[in-house]
Amino acid sequence: MTITSPSAFLSSSRWLWLTAAVALASCLLPWVTNPAAGLSLNPADLAEWTSLAPAVQAQTPPLFTSFLLRTPLLIVALLVAYATGRKHSWAALLILLLAAAQLPPFEFLKDSGNSNYRQQLMMAVMTAGLGLGALYGLARHFVLTGAGVVTALGLLAALAGVTSAVREMRAFAPGAQAGPGLLFYSAAMLAIVALAANTGIKKRRGEAPPGSSSWVEVS
């Protein structure tokens, strides 16, 4: 699942940028809605809401549902790194802005033991560290492999997080359901998973010697 030619990279890069834009835009839309109760929460608000639920606080690890709901900006940061494919300072700045968006409020300085604030800080550090690591450390020909794995994990995290959040919310608002933001985010993740899988299959079929197994990893 590698990219070896500049033209192939540019084509994949456009898809990755589009996916990153759709995923980021989806974070502004409701991921859980309840028209009867007037609830409409994007993933950041939903993560905050679930962090207050006793069942989520008692999870192992603590606030795991909130963690899952905070992964989208991390995924977007990684997609930015993969889409850029080169060590551009503006891409690094964008990754750092995505990380800064996850920082806890200033109250964290007075309440450093707050598990929710500490998780927000952890997500900001992870986004900066993994995003910059992918930008400066990942070889360009492994872009689609990394993007495919990351988006698959991002999709699973989003679905698991929303499923858990809806279950908790229905205890207070029976009409809670997944919102359009999750639909757009899932579509973006699936598009890259499909692109990575399709590229990998074509690569292996095109380079595998006659009579050899097509699943052998192509270097």
Protein backbone atom coordinates (compact mmCIF):
# COMPACT_ATOMS: atom_id res chain seq x y z
CA MET A 1 0.00 0.00 0.00
CA THR A 2 2.72 2.35 -1.00
CA ILE A 3 3.05 5.42 -3.19
CA THR A 4 6.10 5.56 -5.41
CA SER A 5 5.37 8.20 -8.08
CA PRO A 6 4.82 11.95 -7.60
CA SER A 7 1.59 11.86 -9.62
CA ALA A 8 0.17 9.08 -7.47
CA PHE A 9 1.09 10.99 -4.34
CA LEU A 10 -0.57 14.20 -5.60
CA SER A 11 -3.76 12.29 -6.40
CA SER A 12 -3.83 10.68 -2.96
CA SER A 13 -2.93 13.99 -1.32
CA ARG A 14 -6.00 15.67 -2.78
CA TRP A 15 -8.21 12.94 -1.36
CA LEU A 16 -6.55 13.21 2.02
CA TRP A 17 -7.00 16.99 2.12
CA LEU A 18 -10.65 16.62 1.15
CA THR A 19 -11.16 13.99 3.83
CA ALA A 20 -9.44 16.12 6.45
CA ALA A 21 -11.66 19.09 5.52
CA VAL A 22 -14.85 17.02 5.69
CA ALA A 23 -13.79 15.44 8.99
CA LEU A 24 -13.00 18.84 10.49
CA ALA A 25 -16.29 20.32 9.26
CA SER A 26 -18.18 17.36 10.71
CA CYS A 27 -16.82 18.27 14.15
CA LEU A 28 -18.90 21.46 13.98
CA LEU A 29 -22.09 19.48 13.36
CA PRO A 30 -24.18 17.54 15.89
CA TRP A 31 -23.00 14.01 16.57
CA VAL A 32 -25.88 13.33 18.94
CA THR A 33 -29.29 14.96 18.74
CA ASN A 34 -32.51 14.86 20.70
CA PRO A 35 -35.12 17.18 19.15
CA ALA A 36 -37.57 16.62 22.00
CA ALA A 37 -35.06 17.81 24.60
CA GLY A 38 -33.47 20.45 22.39
CA LEU A 39 -30.07 18.74 22.54
CA SER A 40 -27.59 19.04 19.71
CA LEU A 41 -24.00 18.24 20.66
CA ASN A 42 -20.86 18.19 18.55
CA PRO A 43 -18.09 15.76 19.59
CA ALA A 44 -16.31 18.29 21.83
CA ASP A 45 -19.52 19.17 23.68
CA LEU A 46 -20.49 15.52 23.83
CA ALA A 47 -17.12 14.62 25.34
CA GLU A 48 -17.67 17.28 28.01
CA TRP A 49 -21.19 16.01 28.69
CA THR A 50 -20.12 12.39 29.02
CA SER A 51 -17.26 13.35 31.34
CA LEU A 52 -19.92 14.28 33.91
CA ALA A 53 -21.73 10.95 33.71
CA PRO A 54 -20.97 8.71 36.72
CA ALA A 55 -20.84 5.59 34.55
CA VAL A 56 -18.23 7.19 32.27
CA GLN A 57 -16.19 8.41 35.23
CA ALA A 58 -16.16 4.85 36.55
CA GLN A 59 -14.88 3.36 33.29
CA THR A 60 -11.52 1.65 33.02
CA PRO A 61 -9.61 3.63 31.92
CA PRO A 62 -11.54 6.59 33.36
CA LEU A 63 -13.48 8.75 30.89
CA PHE A 64 -12.81 6.34 28.06
CA THR A 65 -15.96 7.41 26.21
CA SER A 66 -14.86 11.04 26.42
CA PHE A 67 -11.44 10.03 25.10
CA LEU A 68 -13.00 8.32 22.08
CA LEU A 69 -15.09 11.41 21.34
CA ARG A 70 -11.97 13.59 21.44
CA THR A 71 -10.07 11.60 18.81
CA PRO A 72 -11.42 13.38 15.67
CA LEU A 73 -9.05 16.36 15.89
CA LEU A 74 -6.15 13.94 16.40
CA ILE A 75 -7.23 12.08 13.26
CA VAL A 76 -7.52 15.33 11.31
CA ALA A 77 -4.01 16.35 12.42
CA LEU A 78 -2.62 13.04 11.18
CA LEU A 79 -4.44 13.42 7.86
CA VAL A 80 -2.92 16.88 7.47
CA ALA A 81 0.52 15.36 7.98
CA TYR A 82 -0.15 12.56 5.50
CA ALA A 83 -1.69 14.90 2.92
CA THR A 84 1.24 17.32 3.06
CA GLY A 85 3.85 14.64 2.60
CA ARG A 86 6.68 17.11 3.14
CA LYS A 87 8.18 19.05 6.02
CA HIS A 88 6.23 22.30 5.54
CA SER A 89 6.16 24.77 8.42
CA TRP A 90 2.58 25.82 7.64
CA ALA A 91 1.42 22.20 8.02
CA ALA A 92 3.21 22.02 11.37
CA LEU A 93 1.45 25.22 12.42
CA LEU A 94 -1.93 23.78 11.44
CA ILE A 95 -1.22 20.64 13.46
CA LEU A 96 -0.26 22.76 16.47
CA LEU A 97 -3.49 24.77 16.12
CA LEU A 98 -5.50 21.54 16.14
CA ALA A 99 -3.60 20.51 19.25
CA ALA A 100 -4.20 23.89 20.92
CA ALA A 101 -7.93 23.55 20.27
CA GLN A 102 -7.92 20.59 22.68
CA LEU A 103 -6.16 22.29 25.57
CA PRO A 104 -8.11 22.48 28.84
CA PRO A 105 -9.40 25.83 30.12
CA PHE A 106 -7.26 28.03 32.36
CA GLU A 107 -9.04 26.55 35.38
CA PHE A 108 -6.74 23.56 34.90
CA LEU A 109 -3.97 25.58 36.56
CA LYS A 110 -6.00 25.67 39.76
CA ASP A 111 -7.45 22.18 39.45
CA SER A 112 -4.68 20.06 37.96
CA GLY A 113 -6.12 16.90 39.48
CA ASN A 114 -9.30 17.15 37.40
CA SER A 115 -9.43 13.99 35.27
CA ASN A 116 -11.33 15.70 32.47
CA TYR A 117 -8.81 18.55 32.21
CA ARG A 118 -5.92 16.12 32.34
CA GLN A 119 -7.40 14.11 29.49
CA GLN A 120 -7.79 17.26 27.42
CA LEU A 121 -4.13 18.09 28.00
CA MET A 122 -3.14 14.55 27.09
CA MET A 123 -5.10 14.76 23.82
CA ALA A 124 -3.44 18.08 22.96
CA VAL A 125 0.01 16.59 23.57
CA MET A 126 -0.85 13.45 21.58
CA THR A 127 -2.16 15.51 18.67
CA ALA A 128 0.98 17.65 18.55
CA GLY A 129 3.37 14.75 19.07
CA LEU A 130 1.82 12.24 16.69
CA GLY A 131 0.92 14.86 14.10
CA LEU A 132 4.41 16.35 13.95
CA GLY A 133 5.93 12.89 14.13
CA ALA A 134 3.94 11.81 11.07
CA LEU A 135 4.79 15.04 9.25
CA TYR A 136 8.53 14.82 9.81
CA GLY A 137 9.11 11.12 10.24
CA LEU A 138 6.86 9.17 7.85
CA ALA A 139 8.24 8.24 4.44
CA ARG A 140 6.03 9.55 1.64
CA HIS A 141 5.52 6.12 0.06
CA PHE A 142 3.83 4.91 3.26
CA VAL A 143 1.26 7.71 3.30
CA LEU A 144 -1.78 5.66 2.28
CA THR A 145 -0.86 2.81 4.58
CA GLY A 146 -0.73 5.19 7.54
CA ALA A 147 -3.86 7.04 6.48
CA GLY A 148 -5.80 3.80 5.99
CA VAL A 149 -4.88 2.49 9.43
CA VAL A 150 -5.52 5.84 11.14
CA THR A 151 -8.92 6.41 9.55
CA ALA A 152 -10.04 2.85 10.30
CA LEU A 153 -9.14 3.35 13.96
CA GLY A 154 -10.73 6.81 13.91
CA LEU A 155 -13.98 5.39 12.58
CA LEU A 156 -14.08 2.65 15.22
CA ALA A 157 -13.35 5.18 17.97
CA ALA A 158 -16.10 7.53 16.78
CA LEU A 159 -18.72 4.79 16.50
CA ALA A 160 -17.83 3.33 19.90
CA GLY A 161 -17.82 6.77 21.53
CA VAL A 162 -21.18 7.84 20.13
CA THR A 163 -22.75 4.46 20.93
CA SER A 164 -21.66 4.79 24.55
CA ALA A 165 -22.73 8.45 24.74
CA VAL A 166 -26.18 7.74 23.29
CA ARG A 167 -26.66 4.93 25.79
CA GLU A 168 -25.81 7.28 28.65
CA MET A 169 -27.94 10.11 27.29
CA ARG A 170 -31.01 7.96 26.80
CA ALA A 171 -31.18 7.53 30.56
CA PHE A 172 -32.07 11.25 30.70
CA ALA A 173 -33.43 11.87 27.19
CA PRO A 174 -34.98 8.75 25.61
CA GLY A 175 -35.04 10.26 22.12
CA ALA A 176 -31.26 10.66 21.80
CA GLN A 177 -29.82 9.48 18.50
CA ALA A 178 -26.74 9.81 16.31
CA GLY A 179 -26.58 13.09 14.40
CA PRO A 180 -25.45 14.13 10.90
CA GLY A 181 -21.93 15.03 12.01
CA LEU A 182 -21.16 11.38 12.72
CA LEU A 183 -22.51 10.42 9.30
CA PHE A 184 -20.20 12.84 7.46
CA TYR A 185 -17.23 11.88 9.61
CA SER A 186 -17.83 8.17 9.04
CA ALA A 187 -18.15 8.71 5.29
CA ALA A 188 -14.82 10.57 5.24
CA MET A 189 -13.08 7.82 7.18
CA LEU A 190 -14.54 5.08 5.00
CA ALA A 191 -13.46 6.90 1.83
CA ILE A 192 -9.81 6.81 2.87
CA VAL A 193 -10.01 3.21 4.09
CA ALA A 194 -11.47 2.25 0.70
CA LEU A 195 -8.85 4.28 -1.19
CA ALA A 196 -6.00 2.71 0.76
CA ALA A 197 -7.39 -0.80 0.31
CA ASN A 198 -8.05 -0.30 -3.41
CA THR A 199 -4.57 1.16 -3.99
CA GLY A 200 -2.97 -1.71 -2.11
CA ILE A 201 -4.89 -4.35 -4.07
CA LYS A 202 -3.97 -2.77 -7.42
CA LYS A 203 -0.35 -2.46 -6.35
CA ARG A 204 -0.08 -6.09 -5.39
CA ARG A 205 -1.87 -7.35 -8.50
CA GLY A 206 0.30 -5.22 -10.74
CA GLU A 207 3.65 -6.22 -9.20
CA ALA A 208 3.10 -9.81 -8.06
CA PRO A 209 4.90 -12.35 -10.33
CA PRO A 210 2.65 -14.80 -12.22
CA GLY A 211 1.56 -17.63 -10.00
CA SER A 212 2.56 -15.89 -6.78
CA SER A 213 0.21 -15.06 -3.95
CA SER A 214 -1.34 -11.60 -4.31
CA TRP A 215 -1.44 -10.88 -0.61
CA VAL A 216 2.31 -10.72 -0.08
CA GLU A 217 3.38 -7.25 1.12
CA VAL A 218 4.93 -5.12 -1.59
CA SER A 219 8.01 -3.19 -0.45
